[in-house]
Amino acid sequence: MEVKTVSLKDFLTLPVTEVYDKEDIKSHIPHREPFLFVDEIRILEKNNKYIGVYHVNPDDNFFKGHFPGHPVMPGVLVIESMAQACGGAVMHDLCKGKKMVPLFLSIEQAKFRGMVCPGDVLEMPIQILRLGRISKAYSEAYVNGKLCTQATLNFILGDSPND
Protein backbone atom coordinates (compact mmCIF):
# COMPACT_ATOMS: atom_id res chain seq x y z
CA MET A 1 0.00 0.00 0.00
CA GLU A 2 1.51 3.30 -1.06
CA VAL A 3 1.11 6.10 1.45
CA LYS A 4 0.34 9.47 -0.06
CA THR A 5 2.26 12.01 1.98
CA VAL A 6 1.21 15.60 2.46
CA SER A 7 2.97 18.39 4.30
CA LEU A 8 2.47 18.38 8.04
CA LYS A 9 3.76 21.95 8.41
CA ASP A 10 0.29 23.11 9.48
CA PHE A 11 0.64 20.90 12.58
CA LEU A 12 3.12 23.47 13.91
CA THR A 13 0.27 25.97 14.36
CA LEU A 14 -2.35 23.64 15.90
CA PRO A 15 -3.31 23.91 19.58
CA VAL A 16 -1.38 21.69 22.00
CA THR A 17 -3.50 19.65 24.45
CA GLU A 18 -0.67 18.16 26.52
CA VAL A 19 3.16 18.11 26.63
CA TYR A 20 5.48 15.24 27.54
CA ASP A 21 8.81 16.45 28.91
CA LYS A 22 12.11 14.58 28.68
CA GLU A 23 11.55 12.59 31.88
CA ASP A 24 8.10 11.48 30.75
CA ILE A 25 9.53 10.48 27.35
CA LYS A 26 12.24 8.43 29.08
CA SER A 27 9.55 6.59 31.03
CA HIS A 28 8.04 5.41 27.71
CA ILE A 29 11.08 4.60 25.53
CA PRO A 30 14.41 2.96 26.48
CA HIS A 31 16.70 5.57 24.85
CA ARG A 32 19.07 7.50 27.11
CA GLU A 33 21.74 10.16 26.71
CA PRO A 34 23.87 10.36 24.65
CA PHE A 35 21.46 8.60 22.25
CA LEU A 36 18.25 10.42 23.21
CA PHE A 37 17.26 12.83 20.43
CA VAL A 38 13.91 14.20 21.63
CA ASP A 39 13.35 16.76 24.42
CA GLU A 40 9.60 17.34 24.28
CA ILE A 41 6.50 15.91 22.65
CA ARG A 42 3.49 18.12 22.05
CA ILE A 43 0.22 16.22 21.86
CA LEU A 44 -2.22 17.73 19.38
CA GLU A 45 -4.59 14.77 19.15
CA LYS A 46 -3.78 11.53 21.00
CA ASN A 47 -3.08 8.51 18.80
CA ASN A 48 -3.13 10.75 15.74
CA LYS A 49 -1.14 14.03 15.70
CA TYR A 50 2.00 15.02 17.59
CA ILE A 51 5.03 17.29 17.38
CA GLY A 52 8.40 16.14 18.68
CA VAL A 53 11.00 18.77 19.58
CA TYR A 54 14.77 18.33 19.81
CA HIS A 55 17.14 21.13 20.77
CA VAL A 56 20.24 20.20 18.78
CA ASN A 57 23.11 20.47 21.24
CA PRO A 58 26.34 21.94 19.83
CA ASP A 59 28.21 19.57 22.17
CA ASP A 60 26.66 16.41 20.66
CA ASN A 61 29.56 14.02 20.05
CA PHE A 62 28.67 13.26 16.42
CA PHE A 63 29.47 16.84 15.42
CA LYS A 64 33.19 16.17 16.06
CA GLY A 65 33.38 13.98 12.97
CA HIS A 66 30.35 15.06 10.89
CA PHE A 67 31.90 17.32 9.62
CA PRO A 68 34.93 19.06 11.20
CA GLY A 69 34.70 22.78 10.50
CA HIS A 70 31.15 22.46 9.12
CA PRO A 71 29.10 20.44 11.65
CA VAL A 72 25.87 18.89 10.36
CA MET A 73 23.56 16.45 12.18
CA PRO A 74 23.67 13.14 10.27
CA GLY A 75 20.45 12.49 8.37
CA VAL A 76 20.09 9.05 9.94
CA LEU A 77 20.05 10.72 13.36
CA VAL A 78 17.35 13.13 12.22
CA ILE A 79 15.30 10.05 11.24
CA GLU A 80 16.16 8.50 14.63
CA SER A 81 14.95 11.68 16.34
CA MET A 82 11.67 11.48 14.42
CA ALA A 83 11.30 7.80 15.40
CA GLN A 84 12.02 8.48 19.08
CA ALA A 85 9.44 11.27 19.08
CA CYS A 86 6.92 8.91 17.52
CA GLY A 87 7.66 6.13 20.02
CA GLY A 88 7.63 8.52 22.96
CA ALA A 89 4.30 9.91 21.79
CA VAL A 90 2.36 6.66 21.43
CA MET A 91 3.93 4.14 23.83
CA HIS A 92 2.07 5.33 26.93
CA ASP A 93 -1.34 4.56 25.45
CA LEU A 94 -0.27 1.73 23.16
CA CYS A 95 1.25 -0.59 25.76
CA LYS A 96 -1.35 -0.22 28.52
CA GLY A 97 1.22 -0.80 31.26
CA LYS A 98 3.06 -3.72 29.57
CA LYS A 99 6.82 -3.36 29.13
CA MET A 100 7.24 -3.06 25.37
CA VAL A 101 9.75 -1.32 23.13
CA PRO A 102 9.15 0.08 19.61
CA LEU A 103 11.56 -1.45 17.08
CA PHE A 104 12.10 -0.29 13.49
CA LEU A 105 10.65 -2.50 10.78
CA SER A 106 11.34 -0.16 7.87
CA ILE A 107 11.81 3.40 6.74
CA GLU A 108 9.99 4.34 3.54
CA GLN A 109 10.46 7.22 1.16
CA ALA A 110 13.02 9.05 3.30
CA LYS A 111 14.08 12.35 1.81
CA PHE A 112 16.68 14.77 3.10
CA ARG A 113 16.01 18.35 2.03
CA GLY A 114 18.04 20.56 4.34
CA MET A 115 20.78 20.59 6.96
CA VAL A 116 20.36 20.48 10.72
CA CYS A 117 23.17 22.32 12.51
CA PRO A 118 24.33 22.84 16.10
CA GLY A 119 21.92 25.05 18.05
CA ASP A 120 18.96 24.38 15.74
CA VAL A 121 15.55 23.46 17.12
CA LEU A 122 14.17 20.47 15.27
CA GLU A 123 10.35 20.38 15.15
CA MET A 124 8.93 17.07 13.99
CA PRO A 125 5.22 16.82 13.21
CA ILE A 126 3.98 13.22 13.26
CA GLN A 127 0.82 11.76 11.71
CA ILE A 128 -0.09 8.26 12.92
CA LEU A 129 -1.26 6.16 9.97
CA ARG A 130 -1.75 2.82 11.76
CA LEU A 131 -1.48 2.08 15.47
CA GLY A 132 -1.12 -1.37 17.01
CA ARG A 133 1.52 -4.08 17.49
CA ILE A 134 2.68 -3.11 13.99
CA SER A 135 2.40 0.64 13.51
CA LYS A 136 3.06 3.20 10.80
CA ALA A 137 3.61 6.95 11.01
CA TYR A 138 4.54 9.71 8.61
CA SER A 139 6.84 12.39 9.99
CA GLU A 140 8.66 15.48 8.84
CA ALA A 141 11.42 17.54 10.44
CA TYR A 142 11.63 21.34 10.26
CA VAL A 143 14.18 23.95 11.30
CA ASN A 144 12.89 27.53 11.36
CA GLY A 145 9.87 26.46 9.32
CA LYS A 146 12.02 24.89 6.56
CA LEU A 147 11.49 21.21 5.71
CA CYS A 148 14.70 19.24 6.33
CA THR A 149 13.63 15.58 6.37
CA GLN A 150 10.56 13.46 5.74
CA ALA A 151 9.87 9.72 6.00
CA THR A 152 7.30 7.07 6.70
CA LEU A 153 8.32 5.00 9.74
CA ASN A 154 7.16 1.45 10.43
CA PHE A 155 7.72 -0.22 13.77
CA ILE A 156 6.72 -3.30 15.73
CA LEU A 157 6.31 -3.63 19.47
CA GLY A 158 8.85 -6.01 20.95
CA ASP A 159 9.28 -7.23 24.48
CA SER A 160 11.37 -4.94 26.63
CA PRO A 161 14.91 -6.32 27.13
CA ASN A 162 14.70 -5.23 30.78
CA ASP A 163 12.05 -7.83 31.68
C-alpha atoms as a PDB file:
ATOM      1  CA  MET A   1       0.000   0.000   0.000  1.00  0.00           C
ATOM      2  CA  GLU A   2       1.510   3.301  -1.064  1.00  0.00           C
ATOM      3  CA  VAL A   3       1.112   6.102   1.449  1.00  0.00           C
ATOM      4  CA  LYS A   4       0.341   9.475  -0.060  1.00  0.00           C
ATOM      5  CA  THR A   5       2.257  12.007   1.976  1.00  0.00           C
ATOM      6  CA  VAL A   6       1.215  15.596   2.460  1.00  0.00           C
ATOM      7  CA  SER A   7       2.969  18.386   4.297  1.00  0.00           C
ATOM      8  CA  LEU A   8       2.472  18.376   8.042  1.00  0.00           C
ATOM      9  CA  LYS A   9       3.760  21.949   8.406  1.00  0.00           C
ATOM     10  CA  ASP A  10       0.290  23.110   9.482  1.00  0.00           C
ATOM     11  CA  PHE A  11       0.638  20.900  12.584  1.00  0.00           C
ATOM     12  CA  LEU A  12       3.123  23.471  13.910  1.00  0.00           C
ATOM     13  CA  THR A  13       0.274  25.969  14.362  1.00  0.00           C
ATOM     14  CA  LEU A  14      -2.353  23.638  15.895  1.00  0.00           C
ATOM     15  CA  PRO A  15      -3.310  23.913  19.584  1.00  0.00           C
ATOM     16  CA  VAL A  16      -1.384  21.694  22.003  1.00  0.00           C
ATOM     17  CA  THR A  17      -3.502  19.648  24.446  1.00  0.00           C
ATOM     18  CA  GLU A  18      -0.669  18.162  26.520  1.00  0.00           C
ATOM     19  CA  VAL A  19       3.155  18.112  26.633  1.00  0.00           C
ATOM     20  CA  TYR A  20       5.484  15.235  27.536  1.00  0.00           C
ATOM     21  CA  ASP A  21       8.809  16.455  28.913  1.00  0.00           C
ATOM     22  CA  LYS A  22      12.105  14.577  28.677  1.00  0.00           C
ATOM     23  CA  GLU A  23      11.546  12.587  31.880  1.00  0.00           C
ATOM     24  CA  ASP A  24       8.100  11.476  30.745  1.00  0.00           C
ATOM     25  CA  ILE A  25       9.528  10.483  27.350  1.00  0.00           C
ATOM     26  CA  LYS A  26      12.237   8.435  29.081  1.00  0.00           C
ATOM     27  CA  SER A  27       9.549   6.592  31.028  1.00  0.00           C
ATOM     28  CA  HIS A  28       8.036   5.408  27.707  1.00  0.00           C
ATOM     29  CA  ILE A  29      11.077   4.596  25.526  1.00  0.00           C
ATOM     30  CA  PRO A  30      14.410   2.965  26.480  1.00  0.00           C
ATOM     31  CA  HIS A  31      16.702   5.574  24.853  1.00  0.00           C
ATOM     32  CA  ARG A  32      19.072   7.502  27.107  1.00  0.00           C
ATOM     33  CA  GLU A  33      21.740  10.162  26.706  1.00  0.00           C
ATOM     34  CA  PRO A  34      23.871  10.362  24.653  1.00  0.00           C
ATOM     35  CA  PHE A  35      21.458   8.596  22.253  1.00  0.00           C
ATOM     36  CA  LEU A  36      18.249  10.419  23.208  1.00  0.00           C
ATOM     37  CA  PHE A  37      17.264  12.830  20.429  1.00  0.00           C
ATOM     38  CA  VAL A  38      13.914  14.203  21.632  1.00  0.00           C
ATOM     39  CA  ASP A  39      13.345  16.756  24.418  1.00  0.00           C
ATOM     40  CA  GLU A  40       9.601  17.337  24.280  1.00  0.00           C
ATOM     41  CA  ILE A  41       6.500  15.910  22.652  1.00  0.00           C
ATOM     42  CA  ARG A  42       3.485  18.123  22.051  1.00  0.00           C
ATOM     43  CA  ILE A  43       0.216  16.220  21.857  1.00  0.00           C
ATOM     44  CA  LEU A  44      -2.222  17.733  19.380  1.00  0.00           C
ATOM     45  CA  GLU A  45      -4.592  14.775  19.147  1.00  0.00           C
ATOM     46  CA  LYS A  46      -3.784  11.526  20.999  1.00  0.00           C
ATOM     47  CA  ASN A  47      -3.078   8.509  18.798  1.00  0.00           C
ATOM     48  CA  ASN A  48      -3.128  10.751  15.740  1.00  0.00           C
ATOM     49  CA  LYS A  49      -1.142  14.034  15.695  1.00  0.00           C
ATOM     50  CA  TYR A  50       2.003  15.019  17.594  1.00  0.00           C
ATOM     51  CA  ILE A  51       5.033  17.286  17.381  1.00  0.00           C
ATOM     52  CA  GLY A  52       8.401  16.145  18.679  1.00  0.00           C
ATOM     53  CA  VAL A  53      11.002  18.767  19.584  1.00  0.00           C
ATOM     54  CA  TYR A  54      14.767  18.325  19.814  1.00  0.00           C
ATOM     55  CA  HIS A  55      17.144  21.133  20.772  1.00  0.00           C
ATOM     56  CA  VAL A  56      20.236  20.200  18.785  1.00  0.00           C
ATOM     57  CA  ASN A  57      23.115  20.469  21.241  1.00  0.00           C
ATOM     58  CA  PRO A  58      26.335  21.943  19.825  1.00  0.00           C
ATOM     59  CA  ASP A  59      28.215  19.566  22.168  1.00  0.00           C
ATOM     60  CA  ASP A  60      26.660  16.410  20.662  1.00  0.00           C
ATOM     61  CA  ASN A  61      29.556  14.016  20.051  1.00  0.00           C
ATOM     62  CA  PHE A  62      28.665  13.257  16.419  1.00  0.00           C
ATOM     63  CA  PHE A  63      29.472  16.843  15.422  1.00  0.00           C
ATOM     64  CA  LYS A  64      33.188  16.175  16.056  1.00  0.00           C
ATOM     65  CA  GLY A  65      33.380  13.977  12.970  1.00  0.00           C
ATOM     66  CA  HIS A  66      30.354  15.059  10.891  1.00  0.00           C
ATOM     67  CA  PHE A  67      31.898  17.325   9.617  1.00  0.00           C
ATOM     68  CA  PRO A  68      34.930  19.064  11.199  1.00  0.00           C
ATOM     69  CA  GLY A  69      34.701  22.778  10.502  1.00  0.00           C
ATOM     70  CA  HIS A  70      31.150  22.456   9.119  1.00  0.00           C
ATOM     71  CA  PRO A  71      29.103  20.441  11.651  1.00  0.00           C
ATOM     72  CA  VAL A  72      25.867  18.890  10.357  1.00  0.00           C
ATOM     73  CA  MET A  73      23.563  16.454  12.181  1.00  0.00           C
ATOM     74  CA  PRO A  74      23.672  13.142  10.274  1.00  0.00           C
ATOM     75  CA  GLY A  75      20.448  12.489   8.368  1.00  0.00           C
ATOM     76  CA  VAL A  76      20.086   9.046   9.936  1.00  0.00           C
ATOM     77  CA  LEU A  77      20.052  10.716  13.358  1.00  0.00           C
ATOM     78  CA  VAL A  78      17.348  13.127  12.218  1.00  0.00           C
ATOM     79  CA  ILE A  79      15.302  10.047  11.244  1.00  0.00           C
ATOM     80  CA  GLU A  80      16.160   8.501  14.630  1.00  0.00           C
ATOM     81  CA  SER A  81      14.951  11.681  16.345  1.00  0.00           C
ATOM     82  CA  MET A  82      11.671  11.477  14.417  1.00  0.00           C
ATOM     83  CA  ALA A  83      11.304   7.803  15.404  1.00  0.00           C
ATOM     84  CA  GLN A  84      12.025   8.485  19.080  1.00  0.00           C
ATOM     85  CA  ALA A  85       9.441  11.269  19.076  1.00  0.00           C
ATOM     86  CA  CYS A  86       6.918   8.908  17.517  1.00  0.00           C
ATOM     87  CA  GLY A  87       7.662   6.133  20.022  1.00  0.00           C
ATOM     88  CA  GLY A  88       7.626   8.521  22.963  1.00  0.00           C
ATOM     89  CA  ALA A  89       4.298   9.906  21.794  1.00  0.00           C
ATOM     90  CA  VAL A  90       2.357   6.664  21.431  1.00  0.00           C
ATOM     91  CA  MET A  91       3.934   4.143  23.833  1.00  0.00           C
ATOM     92  CA  HIS A  92       2.067   5.329  26.933  1.00  0.00           C
ATOM     93  CA  ASP A  93      -1.339   4.561  25.451  1.00  0.00           C
ATOM     94  CA  LEU A  94      -0.268   1.731  23.161  1.00  0.00           C
ATOM     95  CA  CYS A  95       1.249  -0.594  25.765  1.00  0.00           C
ATOM     96  CA  LYS A  96      -1.345  -0.222  28.515  1.00  0.00           C
ATOM     97  CA  GLY A  97       1.221  -0.801  31.263  1.00  0.00           C
ATOM     98  CA  LYS A  98       3.060  -3.717  29.570  1.00  0.00           C
ATOM     99  CA  LYS A  99       6.817  -3.364  29.132  1.00  0.00           C
ATOM    100  CA  MET A 100       7.240  -3.058  25.370  1.00  0.00           C
ATOM    101  CA  VAL A 101       9.745  -1.315  23.128  1.00  0.00           C
ATOM    102  CA  PRO A 102       9.154   0.075  19.609  1.00  0.00           C
ATOM    103  CA  LEU A 103      11.563  -1.451  17.079  1.00  0.00           C
ATOM    104  CA  PHE A 104      12.096  -0.289  13.491  1.00  0.00           C
ATOM    105  CA  LEU A 105      10.651  -2.498  10.777  1.00  0.00           C
ATOM    106  CA  SER A 106      11.341  -0.157   7.874  1.00  0.00           C
ATOM    107  CA  ILE A 107      11.806   3.400   6.742  1.00  0.00           C
ATOM    108  CA  GLU A 108       9.993   4.341   3.541  1.00  0.00           C
ATOM    109  CA  GLN A 109      10.463   7.224   1.158  1.00  0.00           C
ATOM    110  CA  ALA A 110      13.015   9.046   3.297  1.00  0.00           C
ATOM    111  CA  LYS A 111      14.078  12.355   1.813  1.00  0.00           C
ATOM    112  CA  PHE A 112      16.683  14.771   3.102  1.00  0.00           C
ATOM    113  CA  ARG A 113      16.011  18.355   2.030  1.00  0.00           C
ATOM    114  CA  GLY A 114      18.044  20.557   4.343  1.00  0.00           C
ATOM    115  CA  MET A 115      20.779  20.587   6.961  1.00  0.00           C
ATOM    116  CA  VAL A 116      20.362  20.476  10.721  1.00  0.00           C
ATOM    117  CA  CYS A 117      23.166  22.316  12.512  1.00  0.00           C
ATOM    118  CA  PRO A 118      24.331  22.840  16.101  1.00  0.00           C
ATOM    119  CA  GLY A 119      21.917  25.047  18.051  1.00  0.00           C
ATOM    120  CA  ASP A 120      18.961  24.377  15.739  1.00  0.00           C
ATOM    121  CA  VAL A 121      15.548  23.463  17.124  1.00  0.00           C
ATOM    122  CA  LEU A 122      14.172  20.470  15.268  1.00  0.00           C
ATOM    123  CA  GLU A 123      10.352  20.385  15.146  1.00  0.00           C
ATOM    124  CA  MET A 124       8.929  17.066  13.993  1.00  0.00           C
ATOM    125  CA  PRO A 125       5.217  16.816  13.208  1.00  0.00           C
ATOM    126  CA  ILE A 126       3.975  13.218  13.260  1.00  0.00           C
ATOM    127  CA  GLN A 127       0.820  11.756  11.713  1.00  0.00           C
ATOM    128  CA  ILE A 128      -0.093   8.257  12.918  1.00  0.00           C
ATOM    129  CA  LEU A 129      -1.261   6.157   9.970  1.00  0.00           C
ATOM    130  CA  ARG A 130      -1.745   2.821  11.760  1.00  0.00           C
ATOM    131  CA  LEU A 131      -1.481   2.080  15.467  1.00  0.00           C
ATOM    132  CA  GLY A 132      -1.117  -1.370  17.005  1.00  0.00           C
ATOM    133  CA  ARG A 133       1.516  -4.080  17.487  1.00  0.00           C
ATOM    134  CA  ILE A 134       2.676  -3.107  13.986  1.00  0.00           C
ATOM    135  CA  SER A 135       2.398   0.643  13.513  1.00  0.00           C
ATOM    136  CA  LYS A 136       3.061   3.200  10.802  1.00  0.00           C
ATOM    137  CA  ALA A 137       3.607   6.948  11.006  1.00  0.00           C
ATOM    138  CA  TYR A 138       4.537   9.714   8.613  1.00  0.00           C
ATOM    139  CA  SER A 139       6.836  12.394   9.991  1.00  0.00           C
ATOM    140  CA  GLU A 140       8.660  15.484   8.836  1.00  0.00           C
ATOM    141  CA  ALA A 141      11.421  17.544  10.440  1.00  0.00           C
ATOM    142  CA  TYR A 142      11.628  21.337  10.256  1.00  0.00           C
ATOM    143  CA  VAL A 143      14.183  23.947  11.303  1.00  0.00           C
ATOM    144  CA  ASN A 144      12.890  27.526  11.363  1.00  0.00           C
ATOM    145  CA  GLY A 145       9.869  26.456   9.317  1.00  0.00           C
ATOM    146  CA  LYS A 146      12.019  24.889   6.562  1.00  0.00           C
ATOM    147  CA  LEU A 147      11.489  21.214   5.706  1.00  0.00           C
ATOM    148  CA  CYS A 148      14.698  19.241   6.331  1.00  0.00           C
ATOM    149  CA  THR A 149      13.634  15.580   6.374  1.00  0.00           C
ATOM    150  CA  GLN A 150      10.564  13.461   5.739  1.00  0.00           C
ATOM    151  CA  ALA A 151       9.874   9.719   5.996  1.00  0.00           C
ATOM    152  CA  THR A 152       7.297   7.066   6.699  1.00  0.00           C
ATOM    153  CA  LEU A 153       8.323   5.005   9.737  1.00  0.00           C
ATOM    154  CA  ASN A 154       7.163   1.455  10.428  1.00  0.00           C
ATOM    155  CA  PHE A 155       7.719  -0.224  13.775  1.00  0.00           C
ATOM    156  CA  ILE A 156       6.720  -3.296  15.726  1.00  0.00           C
ATOM    157  CA  LEU A 157       6.307  -3.634  19.466  1.00  0.00           C
ATOM    158  CA  GLY A 158       8.847  -6.011  20.946  1.00  0.00           C
ATOM    159  CA  ASP A 159       9.278  -7.235  24.480  1.00  0.00           C
ATOM    160  CA  SER A 160      11.372  -4.940  26.628  1.00  0.00           C
ATOM    161  CA  PRO A 161      14.914  -6.318  27.126  1.00  0.00           C
ATOM    162  CA  ASN A 162      14.704  -5.228  30.784  1.00  0.00           C
ATOM    163  CA  ASP A 163      12.052  -7.826  31.684  1.00  0.00           C
END
